[in-house]
Amino acid sequence: MFLIFAAIVAALLAVLGWRMLRKRRQLRFLQQYRLDAAYRKAIWRDHPYLNDASLAQAEEALRQFFIMHWLAPRAQLQMPSRLADALWHAFILDTRSYQQFCQRAFGHMLHHLPAQASSTGASQDRAAQMQPSWNAAMHTRRYMVGALLGGIPLLFALDAAAAIEDGWHYPPELLDQWAAAFAQASAAASSSTDTMSSPVSGSDSSHHRGDSSSAGDGADMASSTSADSDGGSSGCSGSSCGGSSCGGGSSD
């Protein structure tokens, strides 16, 4: 009986170790993957005023979205950036490459759902639907450099920073709402997992970078991390992010 029990435990440990190794490999692949230059050219044709720096930021924003899905594969995450969404579309059209990418990065196909720009009456519902994307984007700080732009997740700041005319821009009060909800959830998670630590101070919702806690995704979190980085000053900070639209595509 003891030998049977030991064999079961060994098998479970082997499966757990294999899953952790696979997650690490997936993360490393996502961190190092470079999109074909043709995809950048495709979005540049629609936005010829974009410079190389903005196009590079768009690629990093799409990488952030992919890492978000790696972190929360069962969540239906909304795409917060029209520019990153356009780059995603260009990638998807290269069907063979995209399928191979998804298999290596996630072990399954990451499907794209149509973007849904919000109406005024549905803005609160859309804001609530976007909260999981904000939370996941904040968690990517552990796994990629430049996850934040001016204290805001890159995906949420990109369209305003790149001056996309029909982009998805978010007013400061909405950014504050998402930041405060994330900080509250992070503080609650921290308190529940470590009751011996000092109490987590409340967040000032007027500061997006005040919520530094980044809860992990349990055993699925890979141990390899990169520095938490603020990628510089964002054109989406303060009143310059004054658009009222809240739209986005999503993954299933």
Protein backbone atom coordinates (compact mmCIF):
# COMPACT_ATOMS: atom_id res chain seq x y z
CA MET A 1 0.00 0.00 0.00
CA PHE A 2 2.81 2.40 0.84
CA LEU A 3 4.47 1.76 -2.52
CA ILE A 4 1.21 2.55 -4.33
CA PHE A 5 0.80 5.78 -2.36
CA ALA A 6 4.42 6.77 -3.06
CA ALA A 7 3.94 6.07 -6.77
CA ILE A 8 0.83 8.27 -6.88
CA VAL A 9 2.63 11.12 -5.10
CA ALA A 10 5.60 10.80 -7.44
CA ALA A 11 3.29 10.90 -10.46
CA LEU A 12 1.51 14.00 -9.16
CA LEU A 13 4.82 15.74 -8.50
CA ALA A 14 6.02 14.85 -12.00
CA VAL A 15 2.87 16.30 -13.57
CA LEU A 16 3.18 19.47 -11.49
CA GLY A 17 6.83 19.84 -12.45
CA TRP A 18 6.02 19.35 -16.11
CA ARG A 19 3.30 22.00 -15.97
CA MET A 20 5.62 24.52 -14.31
CA LEU A 21 8.35 23.83 -16.86
CA ARG A 22 5.87 24.27 -19.71
CA LYS A 23 4.68 27.60 -18.28
CA ARG A 24 8.26 28.84 -18.01
CA ARG A 25 8.95 27.86 -21.61
CA GLN A 26 5.78 29.57 -22.80
CA LEU A 27 6.68 32.76 -20.96
CA ARG A 28 10.21 32.78 -22.35
CA PHE A 29 8.79 32.30 -25.85
CA LEU A 30 6.39 35.23 -25.40
CA GLN A 31 9.11 37.47 -24.02
CA GLN A 32 11.46 36.76 -26.92
CA TYR A 33 9.03 36.50 -29.84
CA ARG A 34 9.38 39.11 -32.58
CA LEU A 35 6.58 39.83 -35.03
CA ASP A 36 7.24 39.89 -38.74
CA ALA A 37 7.97 43.40 -40.00
CA ALA A 38 5.14 42.98 -42.52
CA TYR A 39 2.59 43.27 -39.72
CA ARG A 40 3.93 46.69 -38.71
CA LYS A 41 3.81 47.80 -42.34
CA ALA A 42 0.18 46.73 -42.52
CA ILE A 43 -0.90 49.04 -39.70
CA TRP A 44 1.43 51.81 -40.89
CA ARG A 45 -0.52 51.92 -44.17
CA ASP A 46 -3.63 52.84 -42.20
CA HIS A 47 -1.74 55.17 -39.86
CA PRO A 48 1.12 56.64 -41.94
CA TYR A 49 1.88 59.29 -39.32
CA LEU A 50 3.18 56.66 -36.88
CA ASN A 51 6.92 56.61 -36.33
CA ASP A 52 9.10 53.61 -35.58
CA ALA A 53 8.85 54.20 -31.83
CA SER A 54 5.05 54.10 -31.89
CA LEU A 55 5.05 50.96 -34.01
CA ALA A 56 7.49 49.33 -31.58
CA GLN A 57 5.21 50.29 -28.69
CA ALA A 58 2.28 48.71 -30.52
CA GLU A 59 4.20 45.44 -30.74
CA GLU A 60 5.06 45.58 -27.03
CA ALA A 61 1.41 46.32 -26.21
CA LEU A 62 0.30 43.26 -28.15
CA ARG A 63 2.97 41.24 -26.33
CA GLN A 64 1.46 42.51 -23.09
CA PHE A 65 -1.97 41.28 -24.17
CA PHE A 66 -0.56 37.85 -24.98
CA ILE A 67 1.18 37.67 -21.59
CA MET A 68 -2.13 38.67 -19.98
CA HIS A 69 -3.75 35.65 -21.62
CA TRP A 70 -0.84 33.48 -20.48
CA LEU A 71 -1.49 34.68 -16.93
CA ALA A 72 -5.27 34.17 -17.09
CA PRO A 73 -6.00 31.65 -19.86
CA ARG A 74 -9.60 31.09 -18.79
CA ALA A 75 -10.53 34.76 -18.57
CA GLN A 76 -12.28 36.59 -21.39
CA LEU A 77 -10.04 39.65 -21.60
CA GLN A 78 -11.04 42.77 -23.51
CA MET A 79 -8.49 44.36 -25.85
CA PRO A 80 -8.01 47.96 -24.59
CA SER A 81 -6.12 49.40 -27.60
CA ARG A 82 -7.36 49.89 -31.15
CA LEU A 83 -3.79 50.12 -32.45
CA ALA A 84 -2.70 46.88 -30.75
CA ASP A 85 -5.92 45.30 -32.00
CA ALA A 86 -5.06 46.29 -35.59
CA LEU A 87 -1.64 44.68 -35.19
CA TRP A 88 -3.30 41.55 -33.79
CA HIS A 89 -5.54 41.45 -36.87
CA ALA A 90 -2.51 41.68 -39.17
CA PHE A 91 -0.89 38.79 -37.29
CA ILE A 92 -4.03 36.64 -37.44
CA LEU A 93 -4.22 37.02 -41.23
CA ASP A 94 -0.92 35.12 -41.43
CA THR A 95 -2.88 32.07 -40.36
CA ARG A 96 -0.13 29.46 -40.35
CA SER A 97 2.30 31.60 -38.34
CA TYR A 98 -0.41 32.67 -35.91
CA GLN A 99 -1.55 29.10 -35.32
CA GLN A 100 2.03 27.97 -34.66
CA PHE A 101 2.57 30.93 -32.34
CA CYS A 102 -0.55 30.17 -30.30
CA GLN A 103 0.34 26.51 -29.96
CA ARG A 104 3.78 27.30 -28.59
CA ALA A 105 2.66 30.21 -26.41
CA PHE A 106 -0.58 28.83 -24.97
CA GLY A 107 -1.06 25.26 -26.12
CA HIS A 108 -4.31 26.26 -27.83
CA MET A 109 -5.69 28.77 -30.32
CA LEU A 110 -6.29 32.27 -28.97
CA HIS A 111 -9.39 33.41 -30.84
CA HIS A 112 -10.32 37.01 -31.49
CA LEU A 113 -13.79 38.38 -30.81
CA PRO A 114 -15.02 41.53 -32.60
CA ALA A 115 -14.34 44.89 -31.03
CA GLN A 116 -17.38 46.47 -29.41
CA ALA A 117 -17.29 50.22 -29.00
CA SER A 118 -19.49 51.25 -26.11
CA SER A 119 -22.48 53.52 -26.21
CA THR A 120 -23.00 56.16 -23.54
CA GLY A 121 -25.71 54.16 -21.81
CA ALA A 122 -23.57 51.05 -21.61
CA SER A 123 -20.36 52.76 -20.49
CA GLN A 124 -20.53 51.46 -16.92
CA ASP A 125 -21.04 47.90 -18.10
CA ARG A 126 -18.13 48.23 -20.52
CA ALA A 127 -15.96 49.68 -17.77
CA ALA A 128 -16.74 46.71 -15.54
CA GLN A 129 -15.93 44.31 -18.37
CA MET A 130 -12.56 46.01 -18.86
CA GLN A 131 -11.53 45.69 -15.20
CA PRO A 132 -10.10 42.15 -15.62
CA SER A 133 -7.94 43.43 -18.49
CA TRP A 134 -6.60 46.24 -16.31
CA ASN A 135 -5.83 43.78 -13.51
CA ALA A 136 -4.08 41.34 -15.85
CA ALA A 137 -2.12 44.18 -17.48
CA MET A 138 -0.90 45.33 -14.06
CA HIS A 139 0.28 41.80 -13.27
CA THR A 140 2.44 41.76 -16.42
CA ARG A 141 4.85 44.15 -14.67
CA ARG A 142 6.59 41.07 -13.27
CA TYR A 143 7.17 39.60 -16.71
CA MET A 144 8.02 42.38 -19.17
CA VAL A 145 9.93 45.63 -19.29
CA GLY A 146 7.83 48.65 -20.25
CA ALA A 147 4.54 47.23 -18.97
CA LEU A 148 3.58 50.72 -17.80
CA LEU A 149 3.57 54.00 -19.69
CA GLY A 150 3.36 57.02 -17.44
CA GLY A 151 2.09 54.80 -14.62
CA ILE A 152 -0.69 53.37 -16.81
CA PRO A 153 -0.69 49.88 -18.36
CA LEU A 154 0.77 50.21 -21.86
CA LEU A 155 -2.31 48.76 -23.55
CA PHE A 156 -4.51 51.43 -21.95
CA ALA A 157 -2.13 54.31 -22.72
CA LEU A 158 -1.07 53.36 -26.25
CA ASP A 159 -3.80 54.93 -28.40
CA ALA A 160 -3.56 58.30 -26.68
CA ALA A 161 0.25 58.22 -26.67
CA ALA A 162 0.31 57.41 -30.40
CA ALA A 163 -2.41 60.02 -31.12
CA ILE A 164 -4.71 57.50 -32.82
CA GLU A 165 -7.66 59.61 -33.94
CA ASP A 166 -10.22 56.81 -33.70
CA GLY A 167 -8.43 55.12 -30.83
CA TRP A 168 -9.87 53.97 -27.54
CA HIS A 169 -9.11 56.75 -25.07
CA TYR A 170 -9.99 56.59 -21.40
CA PRO A 171 -10.89 59.56 -19.16
CA PRO A 172 -8.86 60.06 -15.98
CA GLU A 173 -11.78 59.19 -13.71
CA LEU A 174 -12.12 55.79 -15.40
CA LEU A 175 -8.40 55.11 -15.04
CA ASP A 176 -8.72 56.05 -11.36
CA GLN A 177 -11.65 53.65 -10.96
CA TRP A 178 -9.74 50.71 -12.44
CA ALA A 179 -6.60 51.54 -10.46
CA ALA A 180 -8.50 51.78 -7.17
CA ALA A 181 -10.33 48.49 -7.77
CA PHE A 182 -7.06 46.74 -8.61
CA ALA A 183 -5.33 48.15 -5.53
CA GLN A 184 -8.22 47.04 -3.32
CA ALA A 185 -8.20 43.52 -4.75
CA SER A 186 -4.41 43.29 -4.44
CA ALA A 187 -4.50 44.45 -0.82
CA ALA A 188 -7.20 41.91 0.01
CA ALA A 189 -5.22 39.10 -1.63
CA SER A 190 -2.05 40.14 0.18
CA SER A 191 -3.83 40.22 3.54
CA SER A 192 -5.39 36.82 3.05
CA THR A 193 -2.11 35.12 2.09
CA ASP A 194 0.11 36.72 4.69
CA THR A 195 -1.73 37.72 7.84
CA MET A 196 1.54 38.16 9.71
CA SER A 197 2.68 41.03 7.48
CA SER A 198 1.99 44.65 8.27
CA PRO A 199 -1.37 45.99 7.06
CA VAL A 200 -1.44 47.22 3.48
CA SER A 201 -2.16 50.91 3.34
CA GLY A 202 -5.13 52.08 1.31
CA SER A 203 -4.59 53.33 -2.21
CA ASP A 204 -4.99 56.89 -3.32
CA SER A 205 -7.11 56.33 -6.41
CA SER A 206 -5.77 59.50 -8.03
CA HIS A 207 -2.35 57.86 -8.51
CA HIS A 208 -2.22 55.00 -11.01
CA ARG A 209 1.23 53.82 -9.95
CA GLY A 210 0.38 53.66 -6.24
CA ASP A 211 -0.82 50.05 -6.45
CA SER A 212 2.43 48.13 -6.47
CA SER A 213 1.09 44.77 -5.32
CA SER A 214 0.99 42.15 -8.05
CA ALA A 215 -0.58 38.89 -7.00
CA GLY A 216 0.59 35.75 -8.74
CA ASP A 217 -1.44 33.13 -10.54
CA GLY A 218 -0.75 30.30 -8.06
CA ALA A 219 1.45 27.45 -9.09
CA ASP A 220 1.09 28.33 -12.76
CA MET A 221 3.29 31.39 -12.33
CA ALA A 222 6.73 30.90 -13.82
CA SER A 223 9.70 31.89 -11.71
CA SER A 224 11.51 33.83 -14.43
CA THR A 225 10.62 37.50 -14.21
CA SER A 226 11.71 40.80 -15.62
CA ALA A 227 11.90 44.18 -13.96
CA ASP A 228 8.81 46.25 -13.21
CA SER A 229 9.31 49.18 -15.50
CA ASP A 230 7.56 52.43 -16.25
CA GLY A 231 8.22 52.93 -19.92
CA GLY A 232 8.38 56.68 -19.75
CA SER A 233 6.00 59.59 -19.84
CA SER A 234 2.64 58.88 -21.40
CA GLY A 235 0.54 61.05 -23.62
CA CYS A 236 -2.41 59.46 -21.83
CA SER A 237 -1.69 60.95 -18.44
CA GLY A 238 -4.08 63.39 -16.86
CA SER A 239 -6.49 65.37 -18.99
CA SER A 240 -4.94 64.33 -22.31
CA CYS A 241 -6.77 61.03 -21.93
CA GLY A 242 -10.07 62.81 -22.07
CA GLY A 243 -11.89 60.72 -24.65
CA SER A 244 -15.04 59.06 -23.33
CA SER A 245 -15.02 55.93 -25.44
CA CYS A 246 -14.42 52.57 -23.82
CA GLY A 247 -14.22 49.91 -26.49
CA GLY A 248 -12.22 46.85 -27.28
CA GLY A 249 -12.02 43.45 -28.79
CA SER A 250 -11.65 40.40 -26.64
CA SER A 251 -10.20 36.94 -26.57
CA ASP A 252 -12.00 33.80 -25.62
